[in-house]
Amino acid sequence: MRALGLAHHWQRLLDEQWAASVAEIAEAEGMDVTQVRRVMQLTLLAPEVVERLVGSPDAVLEKVMRRSCPNAWSDKMRVLAPPG
């Protein structure tokens, strides 16, 4: 769940212009830009998906981050949400 929190924190840094780019965040965190982008994709999940992931003790966000994410929230629910 730390990844989910980091994703939203980093997005807030960009939104409030505390960081100029994903590359700047990656450098500050000592991470690869690709890793930061992958984590930040979690900010695009439908709220229902996030609820299910948070409520699922065996949820592995790494699996969610590696899957391609559909644009429509209803499709995200079907593809990404763990059964529940």
PDB file of N, CA and C in Angstrom:
ATOM      1  N   MET A   1       0.813  -1.189   0.000  1.00  0.00           N
ATOM      2  CA  MET A   1       0.000   0.000   0.000  1.00  0.00           C
ATOM      3  C   MET A   1       0.866   1.266   0.000  1.00  0.00           C
ATOM      4  N   ARG A   2       2.127   1.086   0.378  1.00  0.00           N
ATOM      5  CA  ARG A   2       3.046   2.228   0.353  1.00  0.00           C
ATOM      6  C   ARG A   2       3.139   2.823  -1.049  1.00  0.00           C
ATOM      7  N   ALA A   3       3.135   1.967  -2.055  1.00  0.00           N
ATOM      8  CA  ALA A   3       3.234   2.435  -3.445  1.00  0.00           C
ATOM      9  C   ALA A   3       2.056   3.328  -3.797  1.00  0.00           C
ATOM     10  N   LEU A   4       0.881   2.975  -3.334  1.00  0.00           N
ATOM     11  CA  LEU A   4      -0.306   3.780  -3.613  1.00  0.00           C
ATOM     12  C   LEU A   4      -0.176   5.169  -2.986  1.00  0.00           C
ATOM     13  N   GLY A   5       0.299   5.200  -1.758  1.00  0.00           N
ATOM     14  CA  GLY A   5       0.519   6.487  -1.088  1.00  0.00           C
ATOM     15  C   GLY A   5       1.587   7.317  -1.775  1.00  0.00           C
ATOM     16  N   LEU A   6       2.680   6.661  -2.169  1.00  0.00           N
ATOM     17  CA  LEU A   6       3.749   7.378  -2.879  1.00  0.00           C
ATOM     18  C   LEU A   6       3.251   7.950  -4.203  1.00  0.00           C
ATOM     19  N   ALA A   7       2.469   7.169  -4.917  1.00  0.00           N
ATOM     20  CA  ALA A   7       1.951   7.627  -6.210  1.00  0.00           C
ATOM     21  C   ALA A   7       1.178   8.928  -6.047  1.00  0.00           C
ATOM     22  N   HIS A   8       0.313   8.973  -5.060  1.00  0.00           N
ATOM     23  CA  HIS A   8      -0.492  10.183  -4.844  1.00  0.00           C
ATOM     24  C   HIS A   8       0.360  11.336  -4.311  1.00  0.00           C
ATOM     25  N   HIS A   9       1.340  11.012  -3.498  1.00  0.00           N
ATOM     26  CA  HIS A   9       2.258  12.055  -3.003  1.00  0.00           C
ATOM     27  C   HIS A   9       3.024  12.678  -4.170  1.00  0.00           C
ATOM     28  N   TRP A  10       3.571  11.825  -5.033  1.00  0.00           N
ATOM     29  CA  TRP A  10       4.332  12.343  -6.169  1.00  0.00           C
ATOM     30  C   TRP A  10       3.445  13.142  -7.114  1.00  0.00           C
ATOM     31  N   GLN A  11       2.218  12.690  -7.320  1.00  0.00           N
ATOM     32  CA  GLN A  11       1.305  13.435  -8.188  1.00  0.00           C
ATOM     33  C   GLN A  11       1.016  14.809  -7.589  1.00  0.00           C
ATOM     34  N   ARG A  12       0.863  14.861  -6.264  1.00  0.00           N
ATOM     35  CA  ARG A  12       0.641  16.144  -5.594  1.00  0.00           C
ATOM     36  C   ARG A  12       1.849  17.056  -5.770  1.00  0.00           C
ATOM     37  N   LEU A  13       3.058  16.495  -5.684  1.00  0.00           N
ATOM     38  CA  LEU A  13       4.272  17.300  -5.906  1.00  0.00           C
ATOM     39  C   LEU A  13       4.253  17.942  -7.285  1.00  0.00           C
ATOM     40  N   LEU A  14       3.823  17.177  -8.283  1.00  0.00           N
ATOM     41  CA  LEU A  14       3.735  17.714  -9.646  1.00  0.00           C
ATOM     42  C   LEU A  14       2.614  18.738  -9.766  1.00  0.00           C
ATOM     43  N   ASP A  15       1.453  18.407  -9.220  1.00  0.00           N
ATOM     44  CA  ASP A  15       0.290  19.302  -9.317  1.00  0.00           C
ATOM     45  C   ASP A  15       0.544  20.653  -8.663  1.00  0.00           C
ATOM     46  N   GLU A  16       1.236  20.620  -7.523  1.00  0.00           N
ATOM     47  CA  GLU A  16       1.492  21.857  -6.778  1.00  0.00           C
ATOM     48  C   GLU A  16       2.843  22.483  -7.137  1.00  0.00           C
ATOM     49  N   GLN A  17       3.469  21.936  -8.173  1.00  0.00           N
ATOM     50  CA  GLN A  17       4.723  22.433  -8.730  1.00  0.00           C
ATOM     51  C   GLN A  17       5.874  22.467  -7.723  1.00  0.00           C
ATOM     52  N   TRP A  18       5.868  21.492  -6.794  1.00  0.00           N
ATOM     53  CA  TRP A  18       7.011  21.305  -5.912  1.00  0.00           C
ATOM     54  C   TRP A  18       8.097  20.529  -6.636  1.00  0.00           C
ATOM     55  N   ALA A  19       7.692  19.782  -7.660  1.00  0.00           N
ATOM     56  CA  ALA A  19       8.630  19.075  -8.539  1.00  0.00           C
ATOM     57  C   ALA A  19       8.275  19.447  -9.969  1.00  0.00           C
ATOM     58  N   ALA A  20       9.285  19.593 -10.790  1.00  0.00           N
ATOM     59  CA  ALA A  20       9.059  20.028 -12.173  1.00  0.00           C
ATOM     60  C   ALA A  20       8.728  18.874 -13.106  1.00  0.00           C
ATOM     61  N   SER A  21       9.165  17.656 -12.738  1.00  0.00           N
ATOM     62  CA  SER A  21       8.965  16.531 -13.651  1.00  0.00           C
ATOM     63  C   SER A  21       9.089  15.201 -12.913  1.00  0.00           C
ATOM     64  N   VAL A  22       8.653  14.157 -13.588  1.00  0.00           N
ATOM     65  CA  VAL A  22       8.813  12.800 -13.053  1.00  0.00           C
ATOM     66  C   VAL A  22      10.303  12.486 -12.924  1.00  0.00           C
ATOM     67  N   ALA A  23      11.099  12.967 -13.865  1.00  0.00           N
ATOM     68  CA  ALA A  23      12.543  12.743 -13.805  1.00  0.00           C
ATOM     69  C   ALA A  23      13.144  13.364 -12.544  1.00  0.00           C
ATOM     70  N   GLU A  24      12.663  14.524 -12.170  1.00  0.00           N
ATOM     71  CA  GLU A  24      13.152  15.183 -10.951  1.00  0.00           C
ATOM     72  C   GLU A  24      12.780  14.366  -9.711  1.00  0.00           C
ATOM     73  N   ILE A  25      11.579  13.839  -9.682  1.00  0.00           N
ATOM     74  CA  ILE A  25      11.139  12.993  -8.562  1.00  0.00           C
ATOM     75  C   ILE A  25      12.001  11.737  -8.504  1.00  0.00           C
ATOM     76  N   ALA A  26      12.211  11.119  -9.654  1.00  0.00           N
ATOM     77  CA  ALA A  26      13.021   9.897  -9.708  1.00  0.00           C
ATOM     78  C   ALA A  26      14.428  10.151  -9.175  1.00  0.00           C
ATOM     79  N   GLU A  27      15.021  11.255  -9.580  1.00  0.00           N
ATOM     80  CA  GLU A  27      16.366  11.592  -9.118  1.00  0.00           C
ATOM     81  C   GLU A  27      16.378  11.796  -7.600  1.00  0.00           C
ATOM     82  N   ALA A  28      15.395  12.523  -7.085  1.00  0.00           N
ATOM     83  CA  ALA A  28      15.325  12.779  -5.644  1.00  0.00           C
ATOM     84  C   ALA A  28      15.124  11.495  -4.852  1.00  0.00           C
ATOM     85  N   GLU A  29      14.390  10.539  -5.426  1.00  0.00           N
ATOM     86  CA  GLU A  29      14.106   9.266  -4.753  1.00  0.00           C
ATOM     87  C   GLU A  29      15.185   8.210  -4.994  1.00  0.00           C
ATOM     88  N   GLY A  30      16.107   8.493  -5.902  1.00  0.00           N
ATOM     89  CA  GLY A  30      17.133   7.520  -6.237  1.00  0.00           C
ATOM     90  C   GLY A  30      16.570   6.331  -6.992  1.00  0.00           C
ATOM     91  N   MET A  31      15.583   6.613  -7.834  1.00  0.00           N
ATOM     92  CA  MET A  31      14.900   5.566  -8.598  1.00  0.00           C
ATOM     93  C   MET A  31      15.016   5.847 -10.084  1.00  0.00           C
ATOM     94  N   ASP A  32      14.716   4.835 -10.861  1.00  0.00           N
ATOM     95  CA  ASP A  32      14.651   4.984 -12.310  1.00  0.00           C
ATOM     96  C   ASP A  32      13.340   5.670 -12.673  1.00  0.00           C
ATOM     97  N   VAL A  33      13.360   6.505 -13.702  1.00  0.00           N
ATOM     98  CA  VAL A  33      12.161   7.221 -14.145  1.00  0.00           C
ATOM     99  C   VAL A  33      11.034   6.239 -14.488  1.00  0.00           C
ATOM    100  N   THR A  34      11.386   5.124 -15.096  1.00  0.00           N
ATOM    101  CA  THR A  34      10.376   4.132 -15.467  1.00  0.00           C
ATOM    102  C   THR A  34       9.680   3.580 -14.232  1.00  0.00           C
ATOM    103  N   GLN A  35      10.423   3.344 -13.163  1.00  0.00           N
ATOM    104  CA  GLN A  35       9.823   2.848 -11.924  1.00  0.00           C
ATOM    105  C   GLN A  35       8.845   3.869 -11.350  1.00  0.00           C
ATOM    106  N   VAL A  36       9.232   5.126 -11.344  1.00  0.00           N
ATOM    107  CA  VAL A  36       8.367   6.176 -10.807  1.00  0.00           C
ATOM    108  C   VAL A  36       7.102   6.274 -11.646  1.00  0.00           C
ATOM    109  N   ARG A  37       7.236   6.242 -12.966  1.00  0.00           N
ATOM    110  CA  ARG A  37       6.052   6.304 -13.827  1.00  0.00           C
ATOM    111  C   ARG A  37       5.119   5.124 -13.582  1.00  0.00           C
ATOM    112  N   ARG A  38       5.695   3.940 -13.408  1.00  0.00           N
ATOM    113  CA  ARG A  38       4.885   2.745 -13.170  1.00  0.00           C
ATOM    114  C   ARG A  38       4.086   2.891 -11.870  1.00  0.00           C
ATOM    115  N   VAL A  39       4.738   3.386 -10.827  1.00  0.00           N
ATOM    116  CA  VAL A  39       4.049   3.584  -9.552  1.00  0.00           C
ATOM    117  C   VAL A  39       2.978   4.662  -9.698  1.00  0.00           C
ATOM    118  N   MET A  40       3.298   5.720 -10.426  1.00  0.00           N
ATOM    119  CA  MET A  40       2.339   6.818 -10.567  1.00  0.00           C
ATOM    120  C   MET A  40       1.089   6.425 -11.344  1.00  0.00           C
ATOM    121  N   GLN A  41       1.154   5.336 -12.094  1.00  0.00           N
ATOM    122  CA  GLN A  41      -0.042   4.862 -12.791  1.00  0.00           C
ATOM    123  C   GLN A  41      -1.140   4.487 -11.804  1.00  0.00           C
ATOM    124  N   LEU A  42      -0.763   4.210 -10.571  1.00  0.00           N
ATOM    125  CA  LEU A  42      -1.757   3.860  -9.555  1.00  0.00           C
ATOM    126  C   LEU A  42      -2.726   5.007  -9.279  1.00  0.00           C
ATOM    127  N   THR A  43      -2.319   6.246  -9.585  1.00  0.00           N
ATOM    128  CA  THR A  43      -3.220   7.384  -9.375  1.00  0.00           C
ATOM    129  C   THR A  43      -4.372   7.372 -10.371  1.00  0.00           C
ATOM    130  N   LEU A  44      -4.271   6.562 -11.406  1.00  0.00           N
ATOM    131  CA  LEU A  44      -5.301   6.508 -12.443  1.00  0.00           C
ATOM    132  C   LEU A  44      -6.341   5.423 -12.211  1.00  0.00           C
ATOM    133  N   LEU A  45      -6.196   4.675 -11.129  1.00  0.00           N
ATOM    134  CA  LEU A  45      -7.149   3.608 -10.846  1.00  0.00           C
ATOM    135  C   LEU A  45      -8.496   4.180 -10.418  1.00  0.00           C
ATOM    136  N   ALA A  46      -9.544   3.513 -10.805  1.00  0.00           N
ATOM    137  CA  ALA A  46     -10.889   3.899 -10.381  1.00  0.00           C
ATOM    138  C   ALA A  46     -10.985   3.778  -8.863  1.00  0.00           C
ATOM    139  N   PRO A  47     -11.743   4.648  -8.218  1.00  0.00           N
ATOM    140  CA  PRO A  47     -11.876   4.576  -6.759  1.00  0.00           C
ATOM    141  C   PRO A  47     -12.324   3.198  -6.260  1.00  0.00           C
ATOM    142  N   GLU A  48     -13.192   2.542  -7.003  1.00  0.00           N
ATOM    143  CA  GLU A  48     -13.668   1.222  -6.599  1.00  0.00           C
ATOM    144  C   GLU A  48     -12.534   0.195  -6.605  1.00  0.00           C
ATOM    145  N   VAL A  49     -11.626   0.334  -7.558  1.00  0.00           N
ATOM    146  CA  VAL A  49     -10.477  -0.571  -7.625  1.00  0.00           C
ATOM    147  C   VAL A  49      -9.585  -0.339  -6.413  1.00  0.00           C
ATOM    148  N   VAL A  50      -9.340   0.924  -6.080  1.00  0.00           N
ATOM    149  CA  VAL A  50      -8.507   1.256  -4.926  1.00  0.00           C
ATOM    150  C   VAL A  50      -9.136   0.689  -3.650  1.00  0.00           C
ATOM    151  N   GLU A  51     -10.446   0.845  -3.496  1.00  0.00           N
ATOM    152  CA  GLU A  51     -11.139   0.305  -2.319  1.00  0.00           C
ATOM    153  C   GLU A  51     -10.939  -1.194  -2.202  1.00  0.00           C
ATOM    154  N   ARG A  52     -11.092  -1.894  -3.313  1.00  0.00           N
ATOM    155  CA  ARG A  52     -10.914  -3.346  -3.281  1.00  0.00           C
ATOM    156  C   ARG A  52      -9.474  -3.732  -2.959  1.00  0.00           C
ATOM    157  N   LEU A  53      -8.530  -3.011  -3.532  1.00  0.00           N
ATOM    158  CA  LEU A  53      -7.122  -3.315  -3.269  1.00  0.00           C
ATOM    159  C   LEU A  53      -6.770  -3.056  -1.806  1.00  0.00           C
ATOM    160  N   VAL A  54      -7.250  -1.942  -1.273  1.00  0.00           N
ATOM    161  CA  VAL A  54      -6.967  -1.606   0.120  1.00  0.00           C
ATOM    162  C   VAL A  54      -7.615  -2.632   1.052  1.00  0.00           C
ATOM    163  N   GLY A  55      -8.798  -3.104   0.688  1.00  0.00           N
ATOM    164  CA  GLY A  55      -9.514  -4.060   1.515  1.00  0.00           C
ATOM    165  C   GLY A  55      -9.072  -5.500   1.339  1.00  0.00           C
ATOM    166  N   SER A  56      -8.158  -5.739   0.436  1.00  0.00           N
ATOM    167  CA  SER A  56      -7.695  -7.095   0.157  1.00  0.00           C
ATOM    168  C   SER A  56      -6.309  -7.300   0.757  1.00  0.00           C
ATOM    169  N   PRO A  57      -6.210  -8.086   1.839  1.00  0.00           N
ATOM    170  CA  PRO A  57      -4.909  -8.252   2.486  1.00  0.00           C
ATOM    171  C   PRO A  57      -3.864  -8.927   1.605  1.00  0.00           C
ATOM    172  N   ASP A  58      -4.294  -9.669   0.595  1.00  0.00           N
ATOM    173  CA  ASP A  58      -3.332 -10.359  -0.257  1.00  0.00           C
ATOM    174  C   ASP A  58      -3.100  -9.636  -1.584  1.00  0.00           C
ATOM    175  N   ALA A  59      -3.552  -8.373  -1.679  1.00  0.00           N
ATOM    176  CA  ALA A  59      -3.366  -7.599  -2.911  1.00  0.00           C
ATOM    177  C   ALA A  59      -1.881  -7.325  -3.132  1.00  0.00           C
ATOM    178  N   VAL A  60      -1.446  -7.539  -4.336  1.00  0.00           N
ATOM    179  CA  VAL A  60      -0.060  -7.260  -4.710  1.00  0.00           C
ATOM    180  C   VAL A  60      -0.105  -6.200  -5.804  1.00  0.00           C
ATOM    181  N   LEU A  61       0.221  -4.964  -5.430  1.00  0.00           N
ATOM    182  CA  LEU A  61       0.125  -3.856  -6.377  1.00  0.00           C
ATOM    183  C   LEU A  61       1.111  -3.992  -7.522  1.00  0.00           C
ATOM    184  N   GLU A  62       2.202  -4.696  -7.304  1.00  0.00           N
ATOM    185  CA  GLU A  62       3.178  -4.894  -8.378  1.00  0.00           C
ATOM    186  C   GLU A  62       2.509  -5.555  -9.579  1.00  0.00           C
ATOM    187  N   LYS A  63       1.630  -6.522  -9.323  1.00  0.00           N
ATOM    188  CA  LYS A  63       0.911  -7.172 -10.420  1.00  0.00           C
ATOM    189  C   LYS A  63       0.003  -6.178 -11.133  1.00  0.00           C
ATOM    190  N   VAL A  64      -0.645  -5.308 -10.372  1.00  0.00           N
ATOM    191  CA  VAL A  64      -1.530  -4.296 -10.962  1.00  0.00           C
ATOM    192  C   VAL A  64      -0.728  -3.316 -11.792  1.00  0.00           C
ATOM    193  N   MET A  65       0.431  -2.908 -11.286  1.00  0.00           N
ATOM    194  CA  MET A  65       1.252  -1.915 -11.991  1.00  0.00           C
ATOM    195  C   MET A  65       1.804  -2.457 -13.299  1.00  0.00           C
ATOM    196  N   ARG A  66       2.007  -3.751 -13.393  1.00  0.00           N
ATOM    197  CA  ARG A  66       2.592  -4.332 -14.605  1.00  0.00           C
ATOM    198  C   ARG A  66       1.566  -4.601 -15.701  1.00  0.00           C
ATOM    199  N   ARG A  67       0.297  -4.585 -15.373  1.00  0.00           N
ATOM    200  CA  ARG A  67      -0.742  -4.835 -16.373  1.00  0.00           C
ATOM    201  C   ARG A  67      -1.042  -3.552 -17.128  1.00  0.00           C
ATOM    202  N   SER A  68      -1.469  -3.709 -18.380  1.00  0.00           N
ATOM    203  CA  SER A  68      -1.904  -2.519 -19.109  1.00  0.00           C
ATOM    204  C   SER A  68      -3.249  -2.110 -18.528  1.00  0.00           C
ATOM    205  N   CYS A  69      -3.447  -0.839 -18.433  1.00  0.00           N
ATOM    206  CA  CYS A  69      -4.623  -0.310 -17.750  1.00  0.00           C
ATOM    207  C   CYS A  69      -5.595   0.285 -18.765  1.00  0.00           C
ATOM    208  N   PRO A  70      -6.828  -0.230 -18.828  1.00  0.00           N
ATOM    209  CA  PRO A  70      -7.824   0.336 -19.741  1.00  0.00           C
ATOM    210  C   PRO A  70      -8.176   1.764 -19.333  1.00  0.00           C
ATOM    211  N   ASN A  71      -8.704   2.538 -20.253  1.00  0.00           N
ATOM    212  CA  ASN A  71      -9.057   3.924 -19.960  1.00  0.00           C
ATOM    213  C   ASN A  71     -10.367   4.058 -19.201  1.00  0.00           C
ATOM    214  N   ALA A  72     -11.374   3.287 -19.564  1.00  0.00           N
ATOM    215  CA  ALA A  72     -12.684   3.403 -18.926  1.00  0.00           C
ATOM    216  C   ALA A  72     -12.653   2.778 -17.536  1.00  0.00           C
ATOM    217  N   TRP A  73     -13.212   3.483 -16.532  1.00  0.00           N
ATOM    218  CA  TRP A  73     -13.196   2.980 -15.166  1.00  0.00           C
ATOM    219  C   TRP A  73     -13.936   1.661 -15.036  1.00  0.00           C
ATOM    220  N   SER A  74     -15.007   1.481 -15.767  1.00  0.00           N
ATOM    221  CA  SER A  74     -15.732   0.211 -15.674  1.00  0.00           C
ATOM    222  C   SER A  74     -14.857  -0.933 -16.153  1.00  0.00           C
ATOM    223  N   ASP A  75     -14.054  -0.688 -17.181  1.00  0.00           N
ATOM    224  CA  ASP A  75     -13.123  -1.715 -17.665  1.00  0.00           C
ATOM    225  C   ASP A  75     -12.004  -1.955 -16.647  1.00  0.00           C
ATOM    226  N   LYS A  76     -11.573  -0.899 -15.966  1.00  0.00           N
ATOM    227  CA  LYS A  76     -10.546  -1.057 -14.943  1.00  0.00           C
ATOM    228  C   LYS A  76     -11.059  -1.963 -13.834  1.00  0.00           C
ATOM    229  N   MET A  77     -12.308  -1.770 -13.437  1.00  0.00           N
ATOM    230  CA  MET A  77     -12.891  -2.609 -12.390  1.00  0.00           C
ATOM    231  C   MET A  77     -12.847  -4.074 -12.803  1.00  0.00           C
ATOM    232  N   ARG A  78     -13.231  -4.344 -14.042  1.00  0.00           N
ATOM    233  CA  ARG A  78     -13.315  -5.719 -14.524  1.00  0.00           C
ATOM    234  C   ARG A  78     -11.929  -6.342 -14.630  1.00  0.00           C
ATOM    235  N   VAL A  79     -10.951  -5.590 -15.111  1.00  0.00           N
ATOM    236  CA  VAL A  79      -9.636  -6.138 -15.399  1.00  0.00           C
ATOM    237  C   VAL A  79      -8.701  -6.137 -14.189  1.00  0.00           C
ATOM    238  N   LEU A  80      -8.736  -5.070 -13.395  1.00  0.00           N
ATOM    239  CA  LEU A  80      -7.730  -4.895 -12.371  1.00  0.00           C
ATOM    240  C   LEU A  80      -8.150  -5.239 -10.951  1.00  0.00           C
ATOM    241  N   ALA A  81      -9.429  -5.145 -10.656  1.00  0.00           N
ATOM    242  CA  ALA A  81      -9.859  -5.358  -9.272  1.00  0.00           C
ATOM    243  C   ALA A  81      -9.784  -6.825  -8.907  1.00  0.00           C
ATOM    244  N   PRO A  82      -9.233  -7.104  -7.741  1.00  0.00           N
ATOM    245  CA  PRO A  82      -9.231  -8.491  -7.299  1.00  0.00           C
ATOM    246  C   PRO A  82     -10.654  -8.926  -6.980  1.00  0.00           C
ATOM    247  N   PRO A  83     -10.959 -10.193  -7.097  1.00  0.00           N
ATOM    248  CA  PRO A  83     -12.315 -10.644  -6.783  1.00  0.00           C
ATOM    249  C   PRO A  83     -12.649 -10.314  -5.341  1.00  0.00           C
ATOM    250  N   GLY A  84     -13.899  -9.978  -5.126  1.00  0.00           N
ATOM    251  CA  GLY A  84     -14.244  -9.646  -3.743  1.00  0.00           C
ATOM    252  C   GLY A  84     -15.675  -9.517  -3.497  1.00  0.00           C
TER     253      GLY A  84
END
